[in-house]
Amino acid sequence: MQSAVWSGNALHKVTKYYITSAKRDRNGKLDITVSPASGRTNLKPTEKFIDQLKNGEIQLLVLTNQPDIALDMDKKVLDNENRYVIDFDKRGVKWTMRDLPVYFNTMKNTLCVEVDGISYSLDSFFK
């Protein structure tokens, strides 16, 4: 009997991308730069890219330590960590970096991030 090699985590089968920059242009429009997890290239979220995100073919993430975020993520992430992590070794939480999934909200027809049960469009999530 042969056993197949497989990963127990289904996320390994999806290509991960990260928002590495979110700057405003002169007119105030949000300009997002996306990189694959390998970090080798920079991309822009095209219609094809967004369609792949909608279909679950790729995963788009934002790191909570991203400097362009408009919310006070240090407070929100620390509160979440204290809520879910028990400090067995009494060292406490020094700093935390989390990745937040970006999804396509069909009701608003835009890319969104959810933090503490509140859905933010990327336009309102970034400075």
Protein backbone atom coordinates (compact mmCIF):
# COMPACT_ATOMS: atom_id res chain seq x y z
CA MET A 1 0.00 0.00 0.00
CA GLN A 2 1.41 3.36 -1.03
CA SER A 3 0.48 6.59 0.62
CA ALA A 4 0.27 9.78 -1.36
CA VAL A 5 2.19 12.85 -0.29
CA TRP A 6 -0.21 15.60 0.64
CA SER A 7 -0.42 18.63 2.83
CA GLY A 8 -2.97 18.75 5.60
CA ASN A 9 -3.35 22.49 5.09
CA ALA A 10 -5.45 23.40 2.06
CA LEU A 11 -3.95 26.91 1.98
CA HIS A 12 -0.74 25.47 0.56
CA LYS A 13 -2.66 24.81 -2.64
CA VAL A 14 -3.55 28.50 -3.08
CA THR A 15 -1.04 31.12 -4.23
CA LYS A 16 -0.64 33.79 -1.55
CA TYR A 17 -0.16 37.47 -2.32
CA TYR A 18 0.48 40.35 0.06
CA ILE A 19 -0.33 44.03 -0.20
CA THR A 20 3.11 45.58 0.19
CA SER A 21 2.21 49.22 -0.39
CA ALA A 22 -0.96 51.31 -0.36
CA LYS A 23 -0.30 54.94 -1.21
CA ARG A 24 -2.57 57.75 -2.38
CA ASP A 25 -1.90 59.53 -5.65
CA ARG A 26 -2.29 63.31 -6.13
CA ASN A 27 -6.05 62.95 -6.60
CA GLY A 28 -6.48 60.87 -3.42
CA LYS A 29 -7.03 57.59 -5.28
CA LEU A 30 -5.59 54.51 -3.55
CA ASP A 31 -2.70 52.90 -5.44
CA ILE A 32 -2.03 49.34 -4.23
CA THR A 33 1.07 47.26 -4.89
CA VAL A 34 0.82 43.49 -4.50
CA SER A 35 3.63 40.92 -4.26
CA PRO A 36 3.51 37.12 -4.21
CA ALA A 37 4.64 35.39 -1.03
CA SER A 38 7.99 34.75 -2.73
CA GLY A 39 8.40 38.55 -2.97
CA ARG A 40 9.98 38.47 -6.40
CA THR A 41 7.70 40.79 -8.38
CA ASN A 42 5.33 43.68 -7.85
CA LEU A 43 1.83 43.56 -9.32
CA LYS A 44 -1.25 45.74 -9.53
CA PRO A 45 -4.68 44.25 -8.73
CA THR A 46 -6.12 43.91 -12.24
CA GLU A 47 -9.60 42.63 -13.09
CA LYS A 48 -8.15 39.17 -13.78
CA PHE A 49 -6.41 39.22 -10.39
CA ILE A 50 -9.66 40.19 -8.63
CA ASP A 51 -11.56 37.46 -10.52
CA GLN A 52 -9.01 34.90 -9.29
CA LEU A 53 -9.51 36.22 -5.75
CA LYS A 54 -13.31 35.90 -6.09
CA ASN A 55 -12.96 32.30 -7.33
CA GLY A 56 -10.64 31.30 -4.48
CA GLU A 57 -7.72 30.61 -6.83
CA ILE A 58 -5.47 33.05 -4.96
CA GLN A 59 -5.38 34.53 -1.49
CA LEU A 60 -4.66 38.22 -0.84
CA LEU A 61 -3.43 39.26 2.61
CA VAL A 62 -2.44 42.39 4.52
CA LEU A 63 0.11 42.21 7.32
CA THR A 64 -1.04 44.06 10.42
CA ASN A 65 2.32 45.82 10.72
CA GLN A 66 1.85 47.42 7.28
CA PRO A 67 2.62 51.15 7.85
CA ASP A 68 -0.07 52.39 5.44
CA ILE A 69 -3.01 51.14 7.56
CA ALA A 70 -5.25 53.92 8.89
CA LEU A 71 -6.49 51.97 11.95
CA ASP A 72 -4.56 51.54 15.20
CA MET A 73 -3.72 47.88 14.52
CA ASP A 74 -1.35 47.54 17.48
CA LYS A 75 -4.25 47.95 19.88
CA LYS A 76 -6.66 45.77 17.91
CA VAL A 77 -4.23 42.89 17.37
CA LEU A 78 -3.00 42.96 20.97
CA ASP A 79 -6.60 42.83 22.21
CA ASN A 80 -7.28 39.82 19.97
CA GLU A 81 -4.13 38.07 21.16
CA ASN A 82 -5.02 38.62 24.82
CA ARG A 83 -8.49 37.27 24.12
CA TYR A 84 -7.30 34.03 22.53
CA VAL A 85 -3.80 33.31 23.89
CA ILE A 86 -3.12 32.06 27.40
CA ASP A 87 0.24 33.16 28.73
CA PHE A 88 1.55 29.87 30.15
CA ASP A 89 5.20 30.92 30.42
CA LYS A 90 4.47 34.40 31.88
CA ARG A 91 6.50 36.19 29.19
CA GLY A 92 3.54 38.11 27.81
CA VAL A 93 2.92 39.24 24.28
CA LYS A 94 5.88 41.33 23.09
CA TRP A 95 4.61 42.17 19.61
CA THR A 96 2.31 40.49 17.18
CA MET A 97 2.09 40.44 13.42
CA ARG A 98 -0.94 38.89 11.79
CA ASP A 99 -2.08 38.55 8.25
CA LEU A 100 -5.61 39.69 7.47
CA PRO A 101 -7.38 38.18 4.47
CA VAL A 102 -8.69 40.52 1.78
CA TYR A 103 -11.94 39.43 0.16
CA PHE A 104 -14.27 40.73 -2.53
CA ASN A 105 -17.50 42.09 -1.03
CA THR A 106 -20.22 41.55 -3.64
CA MET A 107 -22.65 43.86 -1.81
CA LYS A 108 -20.25 46.82 -1.99
CA ASN A 109 -18.52 45.60 -5.18
CA THR A 110 -15.10 46.28 -3.68
CA LEU A 111 -12.15 44.62 -1.95
CA CYS A 112 -12.55 44.55 1.83
CA VAL A 113 -10.78 43.55 5.06
CA GLU A 114 -12.57 42.51 8.24
CA VAL A 115 -11.19 43.58 11.63
CA ASP A 116 -13.03 42.85 14.88
CA GLY A 117 -16.23 42.03 13.00
CA ILE A 118 -16.25 45.27 11.04
CA SER A 119 -15.79 45.19 7.26
CA TYR A 120 -13.61 47.98 5.83
CA SER A 121 -13.18 48.72 2.14
CA LEU A 122 -9.49 48.96 1.22
CA ASP A 123 -10.08 52.65 0.51
CA SER A 124 -11.12 53.28 4.13
CA PHE A 125 -8.67 50.74 5.62
CA PHE A 126 -5.56 52.48 4.29
CA LYS A 127 -4.39 56.07 4.93
